[in-house]
Amino acid sequence: MPTENERKDIQKAMAYDLLKLFKETPEKTYTYEELEKLIDAYISGLKQ
């Protein structure tokens, strides 16, 4: 089981990865549903 510091590092890494994704297409806007799908896909990918 990850320590508290490891969990924080994982959360920061996810946020950084998502920011990079958003910066690739700054002109695009996302709906709540699209953001939810992106986050779900990211988390599902981490579990594989």
N, C-alpha and C. Protein backbone atom coordinates (compact mmCIF):
# COMPACT_ATOMS: atom_id res chain seq x y z
N MET A 1 0.85 -1.18 0.00
CA MET A 1 0.00 0.00 0.00
C MET A 1 0.90 1.25 0.00
N PRO A 2 0.60 2.20 -0.89
CA PRO A 2 1.44 3.39 -0.99
C PRO A 2 1.38 4.25 0.29
N THR A 3 2.48 4.91 0.57
CA THR A 3 2.51 5.84 1.69
C THR A 3 1.78 7.12 1.29
N GLU A 4 1.56 7.99 2.26
CA GLU A 4 0.89 9.26 1.99
C GLU A 4 1.67 10.09 0.98
N ASN A 5 2.99 10.12 1.11
CA ASN A 5 3.81 10.88 0.16
C ASN A 5 3.73 10.30 -1.24
N GLU A 6 3.70 8.98 -1.35
CA GLU A 6 3.57 8.34 -2.67
C GLU A 6 2.22 8.67 -3.29
N ARG A 7 1.17 8.68 -2.49
CA ARG A 7 -0.16 9.03 -3.03
C ARG A 7 -0.17 10.47 -3.53
N LYS A 8 0.45 11.36 -2.80
CA LYS A 8 0.52 12.76 -3.23
C LYS A 8 1.29 12.88 -4.54
N ASP A 9 2.38 12.13 -4.65
CA ASP A 9 3.17 12.16 -5.89
C ASP A 9 2.35 11.66 -7.07
N ILE A 10 1.57 10.62 -6.85
CA ILE A 10 0.72 10.07 -7.91
C ILE A 10 -0.33 11.09 -8.33
N GLN A 11 -0.94 11.75 -7.36
CA GLN A 11 -1.94 12.78 -7.68
C GLN A 11 -1.33 13.92 -8.47
N LYS A 12 -0.14 14.36 -8.07
CA LYS A 12 0.53 15.43 -8.79
C LYS A 12 0.88 15.02 -10.21
N ALA A 13 1.32 13.79 -10.38
CA ALA A 13 1.66 13.29 -11.71
C ALA A 13 0.43 13.27 -12.60
N MET A 14 -0.70 12.84 -12.07
CA MET A 14 -1.93 12.82 -12.85
C MET A 14 -2.32 14.24 -13.26
N ALA A 15 -2.24 15.17 -12.32
CA ALA A 15 -2.59 16.56 -12.64
C ALA A 15 -1.65 17.12 -13.71
N TYR A 16 -0.37 16.81 -13.60
CA TYR A 16 0.60 17.28 -14.58
C TYR A 16 0.32 16.70 -15.97
N ASP A 17 0.03 15.41 -16.02
CA ASP A 17 -0.28 14.76 -17.30
C ASP A 17 -1.51 15.38 -17.94
N LEU A 18 -2.54 15.64 -17.15
CA LEU A 18 -3.76 16.25 -17.69
C LEU A 18 -3.50 17.67 -18.16
N LEU A 19 -2.69 18.44 -17.42
CA LEU A 19 -2.35 19.80 -17.86
C LEU A 19 -1.62 19.78 -19.20
N LYS A 20 -0.69 18.83 -19.36
CA LYS A 20 0.01 18.70 -20.64
C LYS A 20 -0.97 18.41 -21.77
N LEU A 21 -1.92 17.55 -21.51
CA LEU A 21 -2.94 17.22 -22.51
C LEU A 21 -3.73 18.45 -22.90
N PHE A 22 -4.15 19.24 -21.92
CA PHE A 22 -4.94 20.44 -22.19
C PHE A 22 -4.13 21.50 -22.94
N LYS A 23 -2.84 21.60 -22.65
CA LYS A 23 -2.00 22.59 -23.31
C LYS A 23 -1.74 22.25 -24.77
N GLU A 24 -1.88 20.97 -25.14
CA GLU A 24 -1.67 20.57 -26.53
C GLU A 24 -2.70 21.20 -27.46
N THR A 25 -3.90 21.43 -26.96
CA THR A 25 -4.97 22.04 -27.77
C THR A 25 -5.65 23.14 -26.94
N PRO A 26 -4.95 24.28 -26.77
CA PRO A 26 -5.50 25.34 -25.91
C PRO A 26 -6.81 25.95 -26.41
N GLU A 27 -7.08 25.80 -27.71
CA GLU A 27 -8.32 26.37 -28.25
C GLU A 27 -9.55 25.52 -27.93
N LYS A 28 -9.33 24.28 -27.50
CA LYS A 28 -10.45 23.38 -27.22
C LYS A 28 -11.00 23.64 -25.83
N THR A 29 -12.31 23.61 -25.73
CA THR A 29 -12.96 23.67 -24.43
C THR A 29 -13.59 22.32 -24.15
N TYR A 30 -13.70 21.98 -22.90
CA TYR A 30 -14.20 20.67 -22.49
C TYR A 30 -15.46 20.83 -21.65
N THR A 31 -16.41 19.95 -21.90
CA THR A 31 -17.59 19.91 -21.05
C THR A 31 -17.25 19.09 -19.80
N TYR A 32 -18.11 19.16 -18.82
CA TYR A 32 -17.91 18.36 -17.61
C TYR A 32 -17.83 16.88 -17.97
N GLU A 33 -18.71 16.44 -18.85
CA GLU A 33 -18.75 15.03 -19.25
C GLU A 33 -17.44 14.61 -19.93
N GLU A 34 -16.90 15.48 -20.78
CA GLU A 34 -15.64 15.16 -21.46
C GLU A 34 -14.49 15.06 -20.46
N LEU A 35 -14.46 15.99 -19.50
CA LEU A 35 -13.42 15.93 -18.47
C LEU A 35 -13.54 14.66 -17.64
N GLU A 36 -14.76 14.31 -17.32
CA GLU A 36 -14.99 13.10 -16.55
C GLU A 36 -14.49 11.87 -17.31
N LYS A 37 -14.76 11.81 -18.61
CA LYS A 37 -14.32 10.69 -19.43
C LYS A 37 -12.79 10.64 -19.52
N LEU A 38 -12.16 11.81 -19.66
CA LEU A 38 -10.69 11.86 -19.71
C LEU A 38 -10.08 11.34 -18.41
N ILE A 39 -10.62 11.78 -17.30
CA ILE A 39 -10.09 11.35 -16.00
C ILE A 39 -10.35 9.86 -15.80
N ASP A 40 -11.55 9.40 -16.15
CA ASP A 40 -11.85 7.97 -16.04
C ASP A 40 -10.90 7.14 -16.90
N ALA A 41 -10.65 7.58 -18.13
CA ALA A 41 -9.75 6.86 -19.02
C ALA A 41 -8.34 6.85 -18.46
N TYR A 42 -7.91 7.95 -17.90
CA TYR A 42 -6.57 8.03 -17.31
C TYR A 42 -6.44 7.05 -16.16
N ILE A 43 -7.42 7.05 -15.28
CA ILE A 43 -7.39 6.16 -14.12
C ILE A 43 -7.47 4.70 -14.56
N SER A 44 -8.32 4.39 -15.51
CA SER A 44 -8.44 3.02 -16.01
C SER A 44 -7.12 2.57 -16.63
N GLY A 45 -6.46 3.45 -17.32
CA GLY A 45 -5.17 3.12 -17.92
C GLY A 45 -4.11 2.85 -16.88
N LEU A 46 -4.18 3.52 -15.74
CA LEU A 46 -3.21 3.29 -14.68
C LEU A 46 -3.39 1.93 -14.05
N LYS A 47 -4.61 1.43 -14.03
CA LYS A 47 -4.90 0.15 -13.39
C LYS A 47 -4.45 -1.03 -14.23
N GLN A 48 -4.22 -0.82 -15.53
CA GLN A 48 -3.88 -1.92 -16.42
C GLN A 48 -2.42 -2.29 -16.30
